[in-house]
């Protein structure tokens, strides 16, 4: 009986920690992710004015229309992004409010070594550091607005 309990607990720990193992492996290697630490936070990032234009410029060529890549339509605002499970990697949200390390979208645009697939945009240059930092700041600030402070 006791060994069954330990077995269940062990598997629960593995299931809970597995996404973190994947994430740490995706960042393996020197220079795998762009360093944004020198870029100060932009306060009150506005999705429609600051984030959607980045997505429109770099992403909607593949992520829009009736059959968007990864079932992710980035032409319709953030309804397909925020608090939506990742299609490619279980245990991650496309965008996890407040957490860039748990937001698959941010990993896809910020890191060369990926959990799954390739860095985005697929057939273009990586987003510049300012664009990446704006997306970082928007994701971090989502937690504040999600908790009822959106005025």
C-alpha atoms as a PDB file:
ATOM      1  CA  UNK A   1       0.000   0.000   0.000  1.00  0.00           C
ATOM      2  CA  UNK A   2       2.743   2.436   0.996  1.00  0.00           C
ATOM      3  CA  UNK A   3       4.737   1.600  -2.136  1.00  0.00           C
ATOM      4  CA  UNK A   4       1.646   2.391  -4.269  1.00  0.00           C
ATOM      5  CA  UNK A   5       1.354   5.800  -2.639  1.00  0.00           C
ATOM      6  CA  UNK A   6       5.036   6.516  -3.265  1.00  0.00           C
ATOM      7  CA  UNK A   7       4.628   5.428  -6.884  1.00  0.00           C
ATOM      8  CA  UNK A   8       1.661   7.766  -7.362  1.00  0.00           C
ATOM      9  CA  UNK A   9       3.518  10.662  -5.736  1.00  0.00           C
ATOM     10  CA  UNK A  10       6.615   9.995  -7.861  1.00  0.00           C
ATOM     11  CA  UNK A  11       4.556  10.056 -11.087  1.00  0.00           C
ATOM     12  CA  UNK A  12       2.731  13.196  -9.974  1.00  0.00           C
ATOM     13  CA  UNK A  13       6.080  14.924  -9.449  1.00  0.00           C
ATOM     14  CA  UNK A  14       7.301  13.800 -12.878  1.00  0.00           C
ATOM     15  CA  UNK A  15       4.130  15.069 -14.563  1.00  0.00           C
ATOM     16  CA  UNK A  16       4.313  18.408 -12.769  1.00  0.00           C
ATOM     17  CA  UNK A  17       8.028  18.975 -13.384  1.00  0.00           C
ATOM     18  CA  UNK A  18       8.266  17.653 -16.968  1.00  0.00           C
ATOM     19  CA  UNK A  19       7.385  20.993 -18.655  1.00  0.00           C
ATOM     20  CA  UNK A  20      10.157  22.674 -16.647  1.00  0.00           C
ATOM     21  CA  UNK A  21      12.640  20.032 -17.779  1.00  0.00           C
ATOM     22  CA  UNK A  22      11.595  20.626 -21.385  1.00  0.00           C
ATOM     23  CA  UNK A  23      11.882  24.372 -20.931  1.00  0.00           C
ATOM     24  CA  UNK A  24      15.334  24.152 -19.370  1.00  0.00           C
ATOM     25  CA  UNK A  25      16.485  21.863 -22.182  1.00  0.00           C
ATOM     26  CA  UNK A  26      15.154  24.279 -24.785  1.00  0.00           C
ATOM     27  CA  UNK A  27      17.422  26.980 -23.364  1.00  0.00           C
ATOM     28  CA  UNK A  28      20.494  24.713 -23.400  1.00  0.00           C
ATOM     29  CA  UNK A  29      23.505  26.117 -25.183  1.00  0.00           C
ATOM     30  CA  UNK A  30      25.185  29.492 -25.163  1.00  0.00           C
ATOM     31  CA  UNK A  31      23.164  32.200 -26.847  1.00  0.00           C
ATOM     32  CA  UNK A  32      20.073  30.062 -27.340  1.00  0.00           C
ATOM     33  CA  UNK A  33      17.763  32.895 -26.253  1.00  0.00           C
ATOM     34  CA  UNK A  34      18.122  36.588 -26.915  1.00  0.00           C
ATOM     35  CA  UNK A  35      19.078  38.560 -23.816  1.00  0.00           C
ATOM     36  CA  UNK A  36      16.516  41.303 -23.202  1.00  0.00           C
ATOM     37  CA  UNK A  37      17.733  42.297 -19.737  1.00  0.00           C
ATOM     38  CA  UNK A  38      19.218  45.587 -20.952  1.00  0.00           C
ATOM     39  CA  UNK A  39      15.856  46.714 -22.360  1.00  0.00           C
ATOM     40  CA  UNK A  40      13.770  48.458 -19.715  1.00  0.00           C
ATOM     41  CA  UNK A  41      10.112  47.593 -19.351  1.00  0.00           C
ATOM     42  CA  UNK A  42       7.624  49.551 -21.405  1.00  0.00           C
ATOM     43  CA  UNK A  43       4.755  50.454 -19.085  1.00  0.00           C
ATOM     44  CA  UNK A  44       1.134  49.775 -20.042  1.00  0.00           C
ATOM     45  CA  UNK A  45       1.753  47.976 -23.313  1.00  0.00           C
ATOM     46  CA  UNK A  46      -1.329  48.187 -25.510  1.00  0.00           C
ATOM     47  CA  UNK A  47      -2.050  45.050 -27.525  1.00  0.00           C
ATOM     48  CA  UNK A  48      -3.905  46.733 -30.394  1.00  0.00           C
ATOM     49  CA  UNK A  49      -1.394  49.583 -30.824  1.00  0.00           C
ATOM     50  CA  UNK A  50       1.907  47.861 -30.044  1.00  0.00           C
ATOM     51  CA  UNK A  51       1.635  44.056 -30.202  1.00  0.00           C
ATOM     52  CA  UNK A  52      -0.850  43.446 -33.027  1.00  0.00           C
ATOM     53  CA  UNK A  53       1.266  45.438 -35.536  1.00  0.00           C
ATOM     54  CA  UNK A  54       4.274  43.210 -34.714  1.00  0.00           C
ATOM     55  CA  UNK A  55       2.172  40.078 -35.211  1.00  0.00           C
ATOM     56  CA  UNK A  56       0.670  41.470 -38.418  1.00  0.00           C
ATOM     57  CA  UNK A  57       4.098  42.289 -39.846  1.00  0.00           C
ATOM     58  CA  UNK A  58       5.849  39.059 -38.901  1.00  0.00           C
ATOM     59  CA  UNK A  59       3.249  36.348 -38.264  1.00  0.00           C
ATOM     60  CA  UNK A  60      -0.100  36.612 -40.030  1.00  0.00           C
ATOM     61  CA  UNK A  61       1.339  35.452 -43.350  1.00  0.00           C
ATOM     62  CA  UNK A  62       1.199  31.909 -41.912  1.00  0.00           C
ATOM     63  CA  UNK A  63      -1.007  32.374 -38.848  1.00  0.00           C
ATOM     64  CA  UNK A  64      -4.276  33.609 -40.356  1.00  0.00           C
ATOM     65  CA  UNK A  65      -7.060  32.601 -42.686  1.00  0.00           C
ATOM     66  CA  UNK A  66      -9.241  29.496 -42.704  1.00  0.00           C
ATOM     67  CA  UNK A  67      -6.347  27.085 -41.958  1.00  0.00           C
ATOM     68  CA  UNK A  68      -3.765  28.964 -39.889  1.00  0.00           C
ATOM     69  CA  UNK A  69      -0.481  27.267 -38.977  1.00  0.00           C
ATOM     70  CA  UNK A  70      -0.711  25.436 -35.626  1.00  0.00           C
ATOM     71  CA  UNK A  71      -4.417  26.386 -35.538  1.00  0.00           C
ATOM     72  CA  UNK A  72      -3.282  29.830 -34.366  1.00  0.00           C
ATOM     73  CA  UNK A  73      -4.906  32.841 -36.022  1.00  0.00           C
ATOM     74  CA  UNK A  74      -2.960  35.950 -35.056  1.00  0.00           C
ATOM     75  CA  UNK A  75      -5.047  38.281 -37.205  1.00  0.00           C
ATOM     76  CA  UNK A  76      -7.975  38.327 -34.777  1.00  0.00           C
ATOM     77  CA  UNK A  77      -6.399  39.878 -31.703  1.00  0.00           C
ATOM     78  CA  UNK A  78      -5.405  37.856 -28.698  1.00  0.00           C
ATOM     79  CA  UNK A  79      -8.405  35.517 -28.432  1.00  0.00           C
ATOM     80  CA  UNK A  80      -6.320  32.602 -29.794  1.00  0.00           C
ATOM     81  CA  UNK A  81      -3.385  33.489 -27.539  1.00  0.00           C
ATOM     82  CA  UNK A  82      -4.071  34.358 -23.930  1.00  0.00           C
ATOM     83  CA  UNK A  83      -4.723  31.452 -21.571  1.00  0.00           C
ATOM     84  CA  UNK A  84      -5.095  29.037 -24.521  1.00  0.00           C
ATOM     85  CA  UNK A  85      -3.283  25.691 -24.371  1.00  0.00           C
ATOM     86  CA  UNK A  86      -0.374  25.291 -26.759  1.00  0.00           C
ATOM     87  CA  UNK A  87      -1.207  23.056 -29.701  1.00  0.00           C
ATOM     88  CA  UNK A  88       2.380  21.808 -29.980  1.00  0.00           C
ATOM     89  CA  UNK A  89       3.554  21.338 -26.379  1.00  0.00           C
ATOM     90  CA  UNK A  90       1.324  20.159 -23.565  1.00  0.00           C
ATOM     91  CA  UNK A  91       1.729  21.894 -20.245  1.00  0.00           C
ATOM     92  CA  UNK A  92       2.252  25.308 -21.817  1.00  0.00           C
ATOM     93  CA  UNK A  93      -0.179  28.070 -22.676  1.00  0.00           C
ATOM     94  CA  UNK A  94       0.315  30.005 -25.871  1.00  0.00           C
ATOM     95  CA  UNK A  95       0.483  33.017 -23.585  1.00  0.00           C
ATOM     96  CA  UNK A  96       0.455  32.492 -19.817  1.00  0.00           C
ATOM     97  CA  UNK A  97      -0.504  35.834 -18.261  1.00  0.00           C
ATOM     98  CA  UNK A  98       2.404  37.154 -16.204  1.00  0.00           C
ATOM     99  CA  UNK A  99       4.907  34.449 -17.198  1.00  0.00           C
ATOM    100  CA  UNK A 100       7.209  34.602 -20.199  1.00  0.00           C
ATOM    101  CA  UNK A 101       8.876  31.326 -19.197  1.00  0.00           C
ATOM    102  CA  UNK A 102       5.508  29.527 -19.414  1.00  0.00           C
ATOM    103  CA  UNK A 103       4.376  31.345 -22.594  1.00  0.00           C
ATOM    104  CA  UNK A 104       5.086  29.240 -25.658  1.00  0.00           C
ATOM    105  CA  UNK A 105       4.710  32.227 -27.996  1.00  0.00           C
ATOM    106  CA  UNK A 106       7.535  34.053 -26.226  1.00  0.00           C
ATOM    107  CA  UNK A 107       9.820  31.019 -26.342  1.00  0.00           C
ATOM    108  CA  UNK A 108       9.104  30.628 -30.063  1.00  0.00           C
ATOM    109  CA  UNK A 109      10.160  34.215 -30.847  1.00  0.00           C
ATOM    110  CA  UNK A 110      12.986  34.570 -28.314  1.00  0.00           C
ATOM    111  CA  UNK A 111      14.968  31.305 -28.452  1.00  0.00           C
ATOM    112  CA  UNK A 112      16.947  29.538 -31.148  1.00  0.00           C
ATOM    113  CA  UNK A 113      16.797  26.146 -29.427  1.00  0.00           C
ATOM    114  CA  UNK A 114      13.155  25.113 -29.310  1.00  0.00           C
ATOM    115  CA  UNK A 115      11.007  22.702 -27.343  1.00  0.00           C
ATOM    116  CA  UNK A 116       9.353  21.766 -30.636  1.00  0.00           C
ATOM    117  CA  UNK A 117       9.855  22.948 -34.179  1.00  0.00           C
ATOM    118  CA  UNK A 118      11.711  26.075 -35.204  1.00  0.00           C
ATOM    119  CA  UNK A 119      12.145  29.621 -34.012  1.00  0.00           C
ATOM    120  CA  UNK A 120       9.530  32.001 -35.384  1.00  0.00           C
ATOM    121  CA  UNK A 121       9.043  33.622 -37.758  1.00  0.00           C
ATOM    122  CA  UNK A 122       9.839  30.517 -39.735  1.00  0.00           C
ATOM    123  CA  UNK A 123      10.959  32.048 -43.027  1.00  0.00           C
ATOM    124  CA  UNK A 124      12.205  35.373 -41.768  1.00  0.00           C
ATOM    125  CA  UNK A 125      14.656  37.048 -39.473  1.00  0.00           C
ATOM    126  CA  UNK A 126      13.974  36.891 -35.731  1.00  0.00           C
ATOM    127  CA  UNK A 127      12.010  39.761 -34.268  1.00  0.00           C
ATOM    128  CA  UNK A 128      14.295  42.572 -33.199  1.00  0.00           C
ATOM    129  CA  UNK A 129      15.045  42.947 -29.505  1.00  0.00           C
ATOM    130  CA  UNK A 130      12.671  45.899 -29.065  1.00  0.00           C
ATOM    131  CA  UNK A 131       9.778  43.908 -30.536  1.00  0.00           C
ATOM    132  CA  UNK A 132      10.622  40.920 -28.355  1.00  0.00           C
ATOM    133  CA  UNK A 133      10.813  43.164 -25.286  1.00  0.00           C
ATOM    134  CA  UNK A 134       7.391  44.665 -26.038  1.00  0.00           C
ATOM    135  CA  UNK A 135       5.872  41.180 -26.221  1.00  0.00           C
ATOM    136  CA  UNK A 136       7.720  40.246 -23.004  1.00  0.00           C
ATOM    137  CA  UNK A 137       6.309  43.311 -21.243  1.00  0.00           C
ATOM    138  CA  UNK A 138       2.781  42.728 -22.550  1.00  0.00           C
ATOM    139  CA  UNK A 139       2.824  39.136 -21.266  1.00  0.00           C
ATOM    140  CA  UNK A 140       4.157  40.185 -17.858  1.00  0.00           C
ATOM    141  CA  UNK A 141       1.551  42.937 -17.571  1.00  0.00           C
ATOM    142  CA  UNK A 142      -1.342  40.631 -18.493  1.00  0.00           C
ATOM    143  CA  UNK A 143      -1.377  39.196 -14.979  1.00  0.00           C
ATOM    144  CA  UNK A 144      -2.160  42.616 -13.529  1.00  0.00           C
ATOM    145  CA  UNK A 145      -5.075  43.137 -15.907  1.00  0.00           C
ATOM    146  CA  UNK A 146      -6.293  39.565 -15.540  1.00  0.00           C
ATOM    147  CA  UNK A 147      -6.738  40.100 -11.813  1.00  0.00           C
ATOM    148  CA  UNK A 148      -9.216  42.919 -12.261  1.00  0.00           C
ATOM    149  CA  UNK A 149      -7.117  46.064 -12.519  1.00  0.00           C
ATOM    150  CA  UNK A 150      -7.983  46.740 -16.160  1.00  0.00           C
ATOM    151  CA  UNK A 151      -9.495  50.221 -16.138  1.00  0.00           C
END
